[in-house]
Amino acid sequence: MDPNNPVVKLCAQGMEEESKGNPSGAAERFRQAWDQSTSDFERCIAAHYVARHQADFALVLHWNQVALDCALRIADSTVAGFLPSLYLNLAKSHEDLGRTEEALRLYQRAADQIGRLPADAYRDIVQDGITRGLERVGGVSDGTEGGQTISGA
């Protein structure tokens, strides 16, 4: 990501506000990022962060869906590394609303995408979220799903 991109800068400022314990300041920066976004790439990033500061599960779902929809409209590989996390977040949104079947489908989709991430701490975090989600909605048995390991490797 280009650290000089105005939307990326606003999101970084929002994350800084989060780290300071200022959720309203963070939400304001993320909303500014959304308002200033001009491409699906920028909208994907901004929507992802806007989703984090919604008080209502339905709004979290909406913004997570917007983030994924924007990512899927991008024809090149610039957001390929975002997809596992975007599917994970959308799955959790459906789970929170009691939509277990849709959550399971999306957790499985996230698991299918995990191979797009390099083997590092971020991948481990996303993998853990996927595994926990699958366990909660009944999609994991002994570390496998449909006879395949969840790691996506």
Protein backbone atom coordinates (compact mmCIF):
# COMPACT_ATOMS: atom_id res chain seq x y z
CA MET A 1 0.00 0.00 0.00
CA ASP A 2 1.12 3.49 -0.77
CA PRO A 3 1.64 5.25 2.58
CA ASN A 4 1.19 8.60 0.79
CA ASN A 5 -2.31 7.72 -0.39
CA PRO A 6 -4.71 10.09 1.47
CA VAL A 7 -7.16 7.27 2.28
CA VAL A 8 -4.37 5.03 3.59
CA LYS A 9 -3.09 7.98 5.67
CA LEU A 10 -6.53 8.54 7.20
CA CYS A 11 -6.86 4.84 8.02
CA ALA A 12 -3.41 4.87 9.63
CA GLN A 13 -4.50 7.88 11.68
CA GLY A 14 -7.65 6.00 12.65
CA MET A 15 -5.61 3.02 13.81
CA GLU A 16 -3.46 5.40 15.84
CA GLU A 17 -6.61 6.78 17.48
CA GLU A 18 -7.69 3.21 18.26
CA SER A 19 -4.34 2.53 19.92
CA LYS A 20 -4.81 5.66 22.04
CA GLY A 21 -8.19 4.38 23.23
CA ASN A 22 -10.13 6.96 21.22
CA PRO A 23 -12.76 4.99 19.28
CA SER A 24 -14.76 8.06 18.28
CA GLY A 25 -11.65 9.70 16.81
CA ALA A 26 -10.84 6.47 14.99
CA ALA A 27 -14.37 6.17 13.61
CA GLU A 28 -14.21 9.77 12.42
CA ARG A 29 -10.93 9.16 10.52
CA PHE A 30 -12.27 5.98 8.95
CA ARG A 31 -15.46 7.76 7.84
CA GLN A 32 -13.32 10.54 6.35
CA ALA A 33 -11.34 7.87 4.51
CA TRP A 34 -14.59 6.45 3.12
CA ASP A 35 -15.81 9.89 2.10
CA GLN A 36 -12.53 10.64 0.30
CA SER A 37 -12.16 7.25 -1.41
CA THR A 38 -12.27 7.38 -5.19
CA SER A 39 -11.51 3.82 -6.28
CA ASP A 40 -12.59 0.32 -5.34
CA PHE A 41 -9.17 -0.22 -3.79
CA GLU A 42 -9.56 2.80 -1.51
CA ARG A 43 -13.21 1.98 -0.79
CA CYS A 44 -12.23 -1.59 0.14
CA ILE A 45 -9.71 -0.37 2.69
CA ALA A 46 -11.95 2.35 4.12
CA ALA A 47 -15.04 0.12 4.36
CA HIS A 48 -13.01 -2.51 6.21
CA TYR A 49 -12.15 0.02 8.89
CA VAL A 50 -15.57 1.68 8.97
CA ALA A 51 -17.03 -1.77 9.74
CA ARG A 52 -14.94 -1.99 12.90
CA HIS A 53 -16.73 0.97 14.46
CA GLN A 54 -20.36 0.11 13.95
CA ALA A 55 -22.54 -0.44 17.02
CA ASP A 56 -25.05 -2.64 15.23
CA PHE A 57 -24.30 -6.12 13.82
CA ALA A 58 -26.35 -5.38 10.69
CA LEU A 59 -24.21 -2.31 9.96
CA VAL A 60 -21.02 -4.28 10.56
CA LEU A 61 -22.30 -6.83 8.04
CA HIS A 62 -23.14 -4.08 5.56
CA TRP A 63 -19.66 -2.51 5.70
CA ASN A 64 -17.89 -5.87 5.60
CA GLN A 65 -19.92 -6.76 2.50
CA VAL A 66 -19.04 -3.41 0.92
CA ALA A 67 -15.34 -4.04 1.58
CA LEU A 68 -15.48 -7.50 -0.02
CA ASP A 69 -17.58 -6.31 -2.97
CA CYS A 70 -15.06 -3.55 -3.68
CA ALA A 71 -12.17 -6.01 -3.48
CA LEU A 72 -13.86 -8.45 -5.85
CA ARG A 73 -14.34 -5.71 -8.46
CA ILE A 74 -10.58 -5.19 -8.67
CA ALA A 75 -9.26 -7.17 -11.63
CA ASP A 76 -5.61 -7.36 -10.62
CA SER A 77 -3.91 -8.97 -7.63
CA THR A 78 -3.56 -5.80 -5.50
CA VAL A 79 -6.12 -7.04 -2.96
CA ALA A 80 -5.46 -10.78 -3.14
CA GLY A 81 -3.84 -10.66 0.28
CA PHE A 82 -6.93 -8.97 1.73
CA LEU A 83 -9.37 -11.67 0.67
CA PRO A 84 -8.86 -14.19 3.51
CA SER A 85 -9.43 -11.47 6.10
CA LEU A 86 -12.37 -9.94 4.24
CA TYR A 87 -14.11 -13.33 4.01
CA LEU A 88 -13.31 -13.96 7.68
CA ASN A 89 -14.85 -10.64 8.73
CA LEU A 90 -17.93 -11.18 6.60
CA ALA A 91 -18.35 -14.70 7.99
CA LYS A 92 -18.16 -13.37 11.56
CA SER A 93 -20.79 -10.76 10.70
CA HIS A 94 -23.17 -13.47 9.51
CA GLU A 95 -22.37 -15.58 12.57
CA ASP A 96 -23.15 -12.64 14.87
CA LEU A 97 -26.55 -12.33 13.20
CA GLY A 98 -27.28 -16.05 13.65
CA ARG A 99 -26.83 -16.89 9.97
CA THR A 100 -24.81 -20.03 10.62
CA GLU A 101 -25.01 -21.60 7.17
CA GLU A 102 -23.82 -18.44 5.44
CA ALA A 103 -21.12 -17.98 8.09
CA LEU A 104 -19.90 -21.54 7.49
CA ARG A 105 -19.77 -20.97 3.73
CA LEU A 106 -17.77 -17.78 4.18
CA TYR A 107 -15.39 -19.25 6.77
CA GLN A 108 -14.71 -22.04 4.27
CA ARG A 109 -14.14 -19.45 1.56
CA ALA A 110 -11.67 -17.68 3.86
CA ALA A 111 -9.90 -21.01 4.44
CA ASP A 112 -9.70 -21.53 0.68
CA GLN A 113 -8.01 -18.11 0.34
CA ILE A 114 -5.48 -18.42 3.19
CA GLY A 115 -2.78 -19.65 0.82
CA ARG A 116 -2.65 -16.14 -0.65
CA LEU A 117 -0.93 -14.94 2.52
CA PRO A 118 2.76 -15.44 3.24
CA ALA A 119 3.63 -17.61 6.22
CA ASP A 120 3.96 -14.95 8.91
CA ALA A 121 2.31 -13.64 12.08
CA TYR A 122 -0.53 -11.96 10.17
CA ARG A 123 -1.40 -15.20 8.40
CA ASP A 124 -1.35 -16.99 11.77
CA ILE A 125 -3.85 -14.47 13.17
CA VAL A 126 -6.19 -14.83 10.19
CA GLN A 127 -5.81 -18.62 10.26
CA ASP A 128 -6.69 -18.69 13.95
CA GLY A 129 -9.79 -16.60 13.29
CA ILE A 130 -10.88 -18.93 10.51
CA THR A 131 -10.29 -22.04 12.60
CA ARG A 132 -12.16 -20.61 15.58
CA GLY A 133 -15.04 -19.50 13.37
CA LEU A 134 -15.33 -22.90 11.74
CA GLU A 135 -15.31 -24.54 15.16
CA ARG A 136 -18.07 -22.23 16.41
CA VAL A 137 -20.36 -22.92 13.44
CA GLY A 138 -19.63 -26.64 13.29
CA GLY A 139 -17.35 -26.67 10.27
CA VAL A 140 -14.22 -28.21 11.82
CA SER A 141 -13.57 -31.71 12.97
CA ASP A 142 -10.05 -32.72 14.04
CA GLY A 143 -8.48 -29.82 12.13
CA THR A 144 -9.99 -30.76 8.79
CA GLU A 145 -12.87 -29.52 6.72
CA GLY A 146 -14.28 -31.70 4.02
CA GLY A 147 -11.23 -33.96 4.24
CA GLN A 148 -8.81 -31.06 3.68
CA THR A 149 -6.67 -29.33 6.24
CA ILE A 150 -7.87 -25.87 7.13
CA SER A 151 -4.46 -24.28 6.51
CA GLY A 152 -5.21 -23.88 2.82
CA ALA A 153 -1.63 -24.78 2.06
